[in-house]
Amino acid sequence: MRRLLATLAVGIAGGMIGALLVTAGPAVGSPGDPLVLSQVNQAGPMTVLKSNGGLRILAKNPKRPPLMVYTPDSMPPLQVSSKARVANLNADLLDGLNASAFVRDSHLLVAHAGGDQSTTVPIFLSTAVRTVSLTPPVAGTVVVSSTANVSTESAGGVVSCSIGLPGLPTSGYTQTWESPGSNGSNGQLAGTRAFSVDGGALFEASLVCTTGGASPIATIRDSALTAIFIPNP
């Protein structure tokens, strides 16, 4: 009887010591071992969790994220198989850019005027060759770009085109071409100008051209004017 009790005591003590050793240090796992909570679990093969009820993490510490994933910079921390949108999932950056660097589609406006057209510009008379307009929904900037093919009737003729607004001076934003010497010679002008605008107000810009020098008349062909509205960040 004493031998039996001694044997049971030794067995129970050995089991307790083994249990303490398992829970005191890191859990080095092998296939079939259980997951030990509050310990570092290590396993060579991939661990797969299959559950009809899913896996839920209920976090109670407001100062610690409920899920932390550490990977090398070259490895994505997460991979999913579904293309469905995840509600309330916010990304801090997109391709390394903050949301302020992007323009909403509903706020981006483009107005364009172009196509086949031939406009005669008399000497020293400013003529609006193309006009575009749009109404910005919010405050921002409108960038206006222009191109035009020009020709003069006489050698030494000068053609000047600029982008302007009604009642706003165009000086300082003028592109000028001068006939190199032969009658009826052709050239091309192009320019860009930006304007600050308020939301809700109609914006209108024109490509204005004039003739000077030795040619009494100039012809503007295949002109184009494009206005792009970009909202403020």
C-alpha atoms as a PDB file:
ATOM      1  CA  MET A   1       0.000   0.000   0.000  1.00  0.00           C
ATOM      2  CA  ARG A   2       2.823   2.420   0.888  1.00  0.00           C
ATOM      3  CA  ARG A   3       4.568   1.583  -2.389  1.00  0.00           C
ATOM      4  CA  LEU A   4       1.360   2.324  -4.334  1.00  0.00           C
ATOM      5  CA  LEU A   5       0.887   5.698  -2.607  1.00  0.00           C
ATOM      6  CA  ALA A   6       4.519   6.621  -3.247  1.00  0.00           C
ATOM      7  CA  THR A   7       4.163   5.730  -6.896  1.00  0.00           C
ATOM      8  CA  LEU A   8       0.981   7.876  -7.228  1.00  0.00           C
ATOM      9  CA  ALA A   9       2.687  10.806  -5.449  1.00  0.00           C
ATOM     10  CA  VAL A  10       5.680  10.665  -7.751  1.00  0.00           C
ATOM     11  CA  GLY A  11       3.411  10.495 -10.821  1.00  0.00           C
ATOM     12  CA  ILE A  12       1.290  13.447  -9.726  1.00  0.00           C
ATOM     13  CA  ALA A  13       4.361  15.559  -8.878  1.00  0.00           C
ATOM     14  CA  GLY A  14       5.956  14.747 -12.220  1.00  0.00           C
ATOM     15  CA  GLY A  15       2.785  15.734 -14.065  1.00  0.00           C
ATOM     16  CA  MET A  16       2.599  19.082 -12.233  1.00  0.00           C
ATOM     17  CA  ILE A  17       6.244  19.859 -12.968  1.00  0.00           C
ATOM     18  CA  GLY A  18       5.713  18.999 -16.640  1.00  0.00           C
ATOM     19  CA  ALA A  19       2.671  21.266 -16.804  1.00  0.00           C
ATOM     20  CA  LEU A  20       4.602  24.131 -15.202  1.00  0.00           C
ATOM     21  CA  LEU A  21       7.439  23.718 -17.675  1.00  0.00           C
ATOM     22  CA  VAL A  22       5.028  23.847 -20.624  1.00  0.00           C
ATOM     23  CA  THR A  23       3.234  27.010 -19.493  1.00  0.00           C
ATOM     24  CA  ALA A  24       6.325  28.824 -18.185  1.00  0.00           C
ATOM     25  CA  GLY A  25       8.337  28.990 -21.443  1.00  0.00           C
ATOM     26  CA  PRO A  26       7.627  29.573 -25.124  1.00  0.00           C
ATOM     27  CA  ALA A  27       5.458  26.951 -26.752  1.00  0.00           C
ATOM     28  CA  VAL A  28       7.409  25.259 -29.544  1.00  0.00           C
ATOM     29  CA  GLY A  29       4.669  23.612 -31.504  1.00  0.00           C
ATOM     30  CA  SER A  30       4.561  20.566 -33.669  1.00  0.00           C
ATOM     31  CA  PRO A  31       1.687  19.212 -35.757  1.00  0.00           C
ATOM     32  CA  GLY A  32      -1.210  18.361 -33.468  1.00  0.00           C
ATOM     33  CA  ASP A  33      -0.190  20.564 -30.511  1.00  0.00           C
ATOM     34  CA  PRO A  34      -2.831  22.937 -29.100  1.00  0.00           C
ATOM     35  CA  LEU A  35      -2.566  26.738 -29.249  1.00  0.00           C
ATOM     36  CA  VAL A  36      -1.342  28.071 -25.884  1.00  0.00           C
ATOM     37  CA  LEU A  37      -2.685  31.501 -24.899  1.00  0.00           C
ATOM     38  CA  SER A  38      -0.421  34.253 -23.473  1.00  0.00           C
ATOM     39  CA  GLN A  39       2.617  32.425 -24.833  1.00  0.00           C
ATOM     40  CA  VAL A  40       4.784  32.552 -27.943  1.00  0.00           C
ATOM     41  CA  ASN A  41       3.610  29.746 -30.211  1.00  0.00           C
ATOM     42  CA  GLN A  42       5.953  28.506 -32.925  1.00  0.00           C
ATOM     43  CA  ALA A  43       5.208  26.097 -35.718  1.00  0.00           C
ATOM     44  CA  GLY A  44       7.049  25.167 -38.892  1.00  0.00           C
ATOM     45  CA  PRO A  45       4.158  24.170 -41.176  1.00  0.00           C
ATOM     46  CA  MET A  46       1.293  26.568 -41.920  1.00  0.00           C
ATOM     47  CA  THR A  47      -1.487  26.663 -39.328  1.00  0.00           C
ATOM     48  CA  VAL A  48      -4.988  26.698 -40.814  1.00  0.00           C
ATOM     49  CA  LEU A  49      -8.107  27.592 -38.818  1.00  0.00           C
ATOM     50  CA  LYS A  50     -11.405  26.253 -40.176  1.00  0.00           C
ATOM     51  CA  SER A  51     -14.538  27.409 -38.412  1.00  0.00           C
ATOM     52  CA  ASN A  52     -18.175  27.769 -39.389  1.00  0.00           C
ATOM     53  CA  GLY A  53     -18.509  30.511 -36.790  1.00  0.00           C
ATOM     54  CA  GLY A  54     -15.499  32.566 -37.871  1.00  0.00           C
ATOM     55  CA  LEU A  55     -12.830  34.114 -35.683  1.00  0.00           C
ATOM     56  CA  ARG A  56     -13.608  37.180 -33.575  1.00  0.00           C
ATOM     57  CA  ILE A  57     -11.245  39.324 -31.496  1.00  0.00           C
ATOM     58  CA  LEU A  58     -12.815  41.343 -28.672  1.00  0.00           C
ATOM     59  CA  ALA A  59     -10.309  44.008 -27.653  1.00  0.00           C
ATOM     60  CA  LYS A  60     -10.584  45.642 -24.227  1.00  0.00           C
ATOM     61  CA  ASN A  61      -7.330  47.593 -24.071  1.00  0.00           C
ATOM     62  CA  PRO A  62      -7.833  50.971 -25.816  1.00  0.00           C
ATOM     63  CA  LYS A  63      -4.066  51.541 -25.987  1.00  0.00           C
ATOM     64  CA  ARG A  64      -3.166  48.347 -27.833  1.00  0.00           C
ATOM     65  CA  PRO A  65      -4.364  47.282 -31.319  1.00  0.00           C
ATOM     66  CA  PRO A  66      -6.271  43.983 -31.247  1.00  0.00           C
ATOM     67  CA  LEU A  67      -4.307  42.657 -34.211  1.00  0.00           C
ATOM     68  CA  MET A  68      -0.619  43.288 -34.934  1.00  0.00           C
ATOM     69  CA  VAL A  69       1.122  41.788 -37.972  1.00  0.00           C
ATOM     70  CA  TYR A  70       4.882  42.143 -38.462  1.00  0.00           C
ATOM     71  CA  THR A  71       6.411  41.320 -41.850  1.00  0.00           C
ATOM     72  CA  PRO A  72       9.416  42.380 -43.938  1.00  0.00           C
ATOM     73  CA  ASP A  73       8.880  45.535 -46.034  1.00  0.00           C
ATOM     74  CA  SER A  74       8.778  43.463 -49.222  1.00  0.00           C
ATOM     75  CA  MET A  75       5.911  41.266 -47.960  1.00  0.00           C
ATOM     76  CA  PRO A  76       2.261  42.393 -47.721  1.00  0.00           C
ATOM     77  CA  PRO A  77       0.909  41.919 -44.180  1.00  0.00           C
ATOM     78  CA  LEU A  78      -2.458  40.616 -45.369  1.00  0.00           C
ATOM     79  CA  GLN A  79      -3.864  38.564 -48.247  1.00  0.00           C
ATOM     80  CA  VAL A  80      -7.535  38.013 -49.003  1.00  0.00           C
ATOM     81  CA  SER A  81      -9.407  36.051 -51.660  1.00  0.00           C
ATOM     82  CA  SER A  82     -12.547  38.196 -51.874  1.00  0.00           C
ATOM     83  CA  LYS A  83     -13.048  41.453 -53.826  1.00  0.00           C
ATOM     84  CA  ALA A  84     -15.999  42.470 -51.642  1.00  0.00           C
ATOM     85  CA  ARG A  85     -15.740  45.848 -49.920  1.00  0.00           C
ATOM     86  CA  VAL A  86     -15.072  45.796 -46.173  1.00  0.00           C
ATOM     87  CA  ALA A  87     -17.297  48.246 -44.292  1.00  0.00           C
ATOM     88  CA  ASN A  88     -15.576  50.801 -42.031  1.00  0.00           C
ATOM     89  CA  LEU A  89     -12.097  49.730 -43.178  1.00  0.00           C
ATOM     90  CA  ASN A  90     -10.019  52.901 -43.595  1.00  0.00           C
ATOM     91  CA  ALA A  91      -6.597  53.148 -45.259  1.00  0.00           C
ATOM     92  CA  ASP A  92      -4.189  55.780 -44.000  1.00  0.00           C
ATOM     93  CA  LEU A  93      -2.336  56.038 -47.332  1.00  0.00           C
ATOM     94  CA  LEU A  94      -2.971  54.988 -50.929  1.00  0.00           C
ATOM     95  CA  ASP A  95       0.205  54.391 -52.948  1.00  0.00           C
ATOM     96  CA  GLY A  96       2.003  56.476 -50.319  1.00  0.00           C
ATOM     97  CA  LEU A  97      -0.337  59.476 -50.767  1.00  0.00           C
ATOM     98  CA  ASN A  98      -2.795  61.069 -48.358  1.00  0.00           C
ATOM     99  CA  ALA A  99      -6.435  61.635 -49.340  1.00  0.00           C
ATOM    100  CA  SER A 100      -5.742  65.366 -49.781  1.00  0.00           C
ATOM    101  CA  ALA A 101      -3.607  64.524 -52.827  1.00  0.00           C
ATOM    102  CA  PHE A 102      -6.576  63.108 -54.737  1.00  0.00           C
ATOM    103  CA  VAL A 103      -9.405  64.898 -56.537  1.00  0.00           C
ATOM    104  CA  ARG A 104     -12.974  63.676 -56.289  1.00  0.00           C
ATOM    105  CA  ASP A 105     -14.555  62.861 -59.662  1.00  0.00           C
ATOM    106  CA  SER A 106     -17.622  64.936 -58.849  1.00  0.00           C
ATOM    107  CA  HIS A 107     -15.454  68.064 -58.444  1.00  0.00           C
ATOM    108  CA  LEU A 108     -13.199  67.675 -61.497  1.00  0.00           C
ATOM    109  CA  LEU A 109     -14.560  69.642 -64.472  1.00  0.00           C
ATOM    110  CA  VAL A 110     -13.249  69.996 -68.021  1.00  0.00           C
ATOM    111  CA  ALA A 111     -14.466  72.381 -70.742  1.00  0.00           C
ATOM    112  CA  HIS A 112     -13.085  72.244 -74.285  1.00  0.00           C
ATOM    113  CA  ALA A 113     -13.581  74.210 -77.488  1.00  0.00           C
ATOM    114  CA  GLY A 114     -11.873  73.127 -80.700  1.00  0.00           C
ATOM    115  CA  GLY A 115     -12.293  71.727 -84.178  1.00  0.00           C
ATOM    116  CA  ASP A 116     -12.038  73.108 -87.707  1.00  0.00           C
ATOM    117  CA  GLN A 117     -12.377  76.868 -87.709  1.00  0.00           C
ATOM    118  CA  SER A 118     -10.874  79.797 -89.605  1.00  0.00           C
ATOM    119  CA  THR A 119     -11.064  83.261 -88.040  1.00  0.00           C
ATOM    120  CA  THR A 120      -9.820  86.475 -89.658  1.00  0.00           C
ATOM    121  CA  VAL A 121      -8.207  88.955 -87.295  1.00  0.00           C
ATOM    122  CA  PRO A 122      -7.879  92.577 -88.546  1.00  0.00           C
ATOM    123  CA  ILE A 123      -4.856  94.641 -87.610  1.00  0.00           C
ATOM    124  CA  PHE A 124      -4.823  96.066 -84.048  1.00  0.00           C
ATOM    125  CA  LEU A 125      -8.297  94.658 -83.339  1.00  0.00           C
ATOM    126  CA  SER A 126      -8.494  92.079 -80.541  1.00  0.00           C
ATOM    127  CA  THR A 127     -10.696  89.181 -81.538  1.00  0.00           C
ATOM    128  CA  ALA A 128     -11.991  86.325 -79.343  1.00  0.00           C
ATOM    129  CA  VAL A 129     -11.187  83.207 -81.339  1.00  0.00           C
ATOM    130  CA  ARG A 130     -12.332  80.565 -78.816  1.00  0.00           C
ATOM    131  CA  THR A 131     -14.301  80.724 -75.563  1.00  0.00           C
ATOM    132  CA  VAL A 132     -14.891  78.120 -72.853  1.00  0.00           C
ATOM    133  CA  SER A 133     -16.970  78.283 -69.681  1.00  0.00           C
ATOM    134  CA  LEU A 134     -17.729  76.170 -66.630  1.00  0.00           C
ATOM    135  CA  THR A 135     -19.148  76.590 -63.116  1.00  0.00           C
ATOM    136  CA  PRO A 136     -16.860  75.290 -60.346  1.00  0.00           C
ATOM    137  CA  PRO A 137     -18.810  73.609 -57.499  1.00  0.00           C
ATOM    138  CA  VAL A 138     -16.217  74.680 -54.896  1.00  0.00           C
ATOM    139  CA  ALA A 139     -13.233  77.007 -54.653  1.00  0.00           C
ATOM    140  CA  GLY A 140     -10.140  75.999 -56.588  1.00  0.00           C
ATOM    141  CA  THR A 141      -8.044  76.691 -59.663  1.00  0.00           C
ATOM    142  CA  VAL A 142      -8.880  76.639 -63.363  1.00  0.00           C
ATOM    143  CA  VAL A 143      -5.979  75.868 -65.689  1.00  0.00           C
ATOM    144  CA  VAL A 144      -6.595  77.057 -69.262  1.00  0.00           C
ATOM    145  CA  SER A 145      -4.455  75.854 -72.194  1.00  0.00           C
ATOM    146  CA  SER A 146      -4.568  77.063 -75.795  1.00  0.00           C
ATOM    147  CA  THR A 147      -3.142  76.198 -79.202  1.00  0.00           C
ATOM    148  CA  ALA A 148      -3.577  77.928 -82.562  1.00  0.00           C
ATOM    149  CA  ASN A 149      -2.166  77.837 -86.085  1.00  0.00           C
ATOM    150  CA  VAL A 150      -1.590  81.366 -87.412  1.00  0.00           C
ATOM    151  CA  SER A 151      -0.692  82.909 -90.758  1.00  0.00           C
ATOM    152  CA  THR A 152      -0.200  86.455 -92.081  1.00  0.00           C
ATOM    153  CA  GLU A 153      -0.757  88.021 -95.503  1.00  0.00           C
ATOM    154  CA  SER A 154       2.445  90.042 -95.553  1.00  0.00           C
ATOM    155  CA  ALA A 155       6.064  89.563 -94.560  1.00  0.00           C
ATOM    156  CA  GLY A 156       6.851  91.057 -91.178  1.00  0.00           C
ATOM    157  CA  GLY A 157       3.346  90.496 -89.864  1.00  0.00           C
ATOM    158  CA  VAL A 158       2.960  89.834 -86.143  1.00  0.00           C
ATOM    159  CA  VAL A 159       0.264  87.682 -84.499  1.00  0.00           C
ATOM    160  CA  SER A 160      -0.282  87.816 -80.741  1.00  0.00           C
ATOM    161  CA  CYS A 161      -2.654  85.544 -78.818  1.00  0.00           C
ATOM    162  CA  SER A 162      -3.419  85.474 -75.113  1.00  0.00           C
ATOM    163  CA  ILE A 163      -5.765  83.816 -72.612  1.00  0.00           C
ATOM    164  CA  GLY A 164      -7.949  86.271 -70.754  1.00  0.00           C
ATOM    165  CA  LEU A 165     -11.162  86.752 -68.830  1.00  0.00           C
ATOM    166  CA  PRO A 166     -13.796  89.384 -69.509  1.00  0.00           C
ATOM    167  CA  GLY A 167     -12.473  92.667 -68.086  1.00  0.00           C
ATOM    168  CA  LEU A 168      -9.123  91.140 -67.020  1.00  0.00           C
ATOM    169  CA  PRO A 169      -5.916  92.405 -68.693  1.00  0.00           C
ATOM    170  CA  THR A 170      -4.065  89.849 -70.784  1.00  0.00           C
ATOM    171  CA  SER A 171      -0.658  91.537 -70.693  1.00  0.00           C
ATOM    172  CA  GLY A 172       2.124  89.273 -69.528  1.00  0.00           C
ATOM    173  CA  TYR A 173       0.371  86.129 -70.812  1.00  0.00           C
ATOM    174  CA  THR A 174       0.773  86.722 -74.533  1.00  0.00           C
ATOM    175  CA  GLN A 175       2.348  84.404 -77.117  1.00  0.00           C
ATOM    176  CA  THR A 176       3.655  86.219 -80.201  1.00  0.00           C
ATOM    177  CA  TRP A 177       4.674  84.905 -83.620  1.00  0.00           C
ATOM    178  CA  GLU A 178       6.257  87.004 -86.376  1.00  0.00           C
ATOM    179  CA  SER A 179       6.262  86.110 -90.054  1.00  0.00           C
ATOM    180  CA  PRO A 180       9.801  85.106 -91.066  1.00  0.00           C
ATOM    181  CA  GLY A 181       9.593  86.959 -94.372  1.00  0.00           C
ATOM    182  CA  SER A 182       7.491  85.110 -96.930  1.00  0.00           C
ATOM    183  CA  ASN A 183       3.918  86.091 -97.669  1.00  0.00           C
ATOM    184  CA  GLY A 184       1.313  83.833 -96.125  1.00  0.00           C
ATOM    185  CA  SER A 185       3.760  81.974 -93.889  1.00  0.00           C
ATOM    186  CA  ASN A 186       2.374  79.822 -91.075  1.00  0.00           C
ATOM    187  CA  GLY A 187       3.273  79.459 -87.411  1.00  0.00           C
ATOM    188  CA  GLN A 188       1.861  77.979 -84.207  1.00  0.00           C
ATOM    189  CA  LEU A 189       1.153  79.502 -80.805  1.00  0.00           C
ATOM    190  CA  ALA A 190       0.470  77.760 -77.483  1.00  0.00           C
ATOM    191  CA  GLY A 191       0.125  78.896 -73.900  1.00  0.00           C
ATOM    192  CA  THR A 192      -1.267  78.095 -70.444  1.00  0.00           C
ATOM    193  CA  ARG A 193      -2.678  80.310 -67.704  1.00  0.00           C
ATOM    194  CA  ALA A 194      -4.142  79.515 -64.255  1.00  0.00           C
ATOM    195  CA  PHE A 195      -6.927  81.381 -62.441  1.00  0.00           C
ATOM    196  CA  SER A 196      -8.140  81.184 -58.832  1.00  0.00           C
ATOM    197  CA  VAL A 197     -11.923  80.791 -58.678  1.00  0.00           C
ATOM    198  CA  ASP A 198     -14.720  80.637 -56.122  1.00  0.00           C
ATOM    199  CA  GLY A 199     -17.375  77.968 -55.990  1.00  0.00           C
ATOM    200  CA  GLY A 200     -20.722  78.555 -57.672  1.00  0.00           C
ATOM    201  CA  ALA A 201     -19.586  81.417 -59.944  1.00  0.00           C
ATOM    202  CA  LEU A 202     -19.535  81.089 -63.742  1.00  0.00           C
ATOM    203  CA  PHE A 203     -15.999  81.037 -65.148  1.00  0.00           C
ATOM    204  CA  GLU A 204     -15.404  82.095 -68.743  1.00  0.00           C
ATOM    205  CA  ALA A 205     -12.102  82.408 -70.583  1.00  0.00           C
ATOM    206  CA  SER A 206     -11.276  83.316 -74.179  1.00  0.00           C
ATOM    207  CA  LEU A 207      -8.366  82.958 -76.566  1.00  0.00           C
ATOM    208  CA  VAL A 208      -7.912  86.524 -77.801  1.00  0.00           C
ATOM    209  CA  CYS A 209      -5.724  87.251 -80.861  1.00  0.00           C
ATOM    210  CA  THR A 210      -4.652  90.428 -82.649  1.00  0.00           C
ATOM    211  CA  THR A 211      -2.551  91.400 -85.682  1.00  0.00           C
ATOM    212  CA  GLY A 212       0.241  93.944 -85.927  1.00  0.00           C
ATOM    213  CA  GLY A 213       3.376  94.786 -87.835  1.00  0.00           C
ATOM    214  CA  ALA A 214       3.312  94.925 -91.637  1.00  0.00           C
ATOM    215  CA  SER A 215       0.347  92.590 -92.181  1.00  0.00           C
ATOM    216  CA  PRO A 216      -3.157  94.091 -92.148  1.00  0.00           C
ATOM    217  CA  ILE A 217      -4.843  90.725 -91.652  1.00  0.00           C
ATOM    218  CA  ALA A 218      -4.020  87.430 -89.916  1.00  0.00           C
ATOM    219  CA  THR A 219      -5.864  84.129 -90.021  1.00  0.00           C
ATOM    220  CA  ILE A 220      -6.274  81.821 -87.030  1.00  0.00           C
ATOM    221  CA  ARG A 221      -6.958  78.159 -87.887  1.00  0.00           C
ATOM    222  CA  ASP A 222      -7.488  74.943 -85.910  1.00  0.00           C
ATOM    223  CA  SER A 223      -7.454  76.752 -82.584  1.00  0.00           C
ATOM    224  CA  ALA A 224      -8.326  74.948 -79.347  1.00  0.00           C
ATOM    225  CA  LEU A 225      -9.002  76.060 -75.783  1.00  0.00           C
ATOM    226  CA  THR A 226      -9.291  73.737 -72.775  1.00  0.00           C
ATOM    227  CA  ALA A 227     -10.180  74.638 -69.190  1.00  0.00           C
ATOM    228  CA  ILE A 228      -9.641  72.170 -66.314  1.00  0.00           C
ATOM    229  CA  PHE A 229     -11.002  72.907 -62.843  1.00  0.00           C
ATOM    230  CA  ILE A 230      -9.068  71.520 -59.843  1.00  0.00           C
ATOM    231  CA  PRO A 231     -10.595  72.009 -56.352  1.00  0.00           C
ATOM    232  CA  ASN A 232      -8.493  73.197 -53.448  1.00  0.00           C
ATOM    233  CA  PRO A 233      -7.230  70.417 -51.117  1.00  0.00           C
END
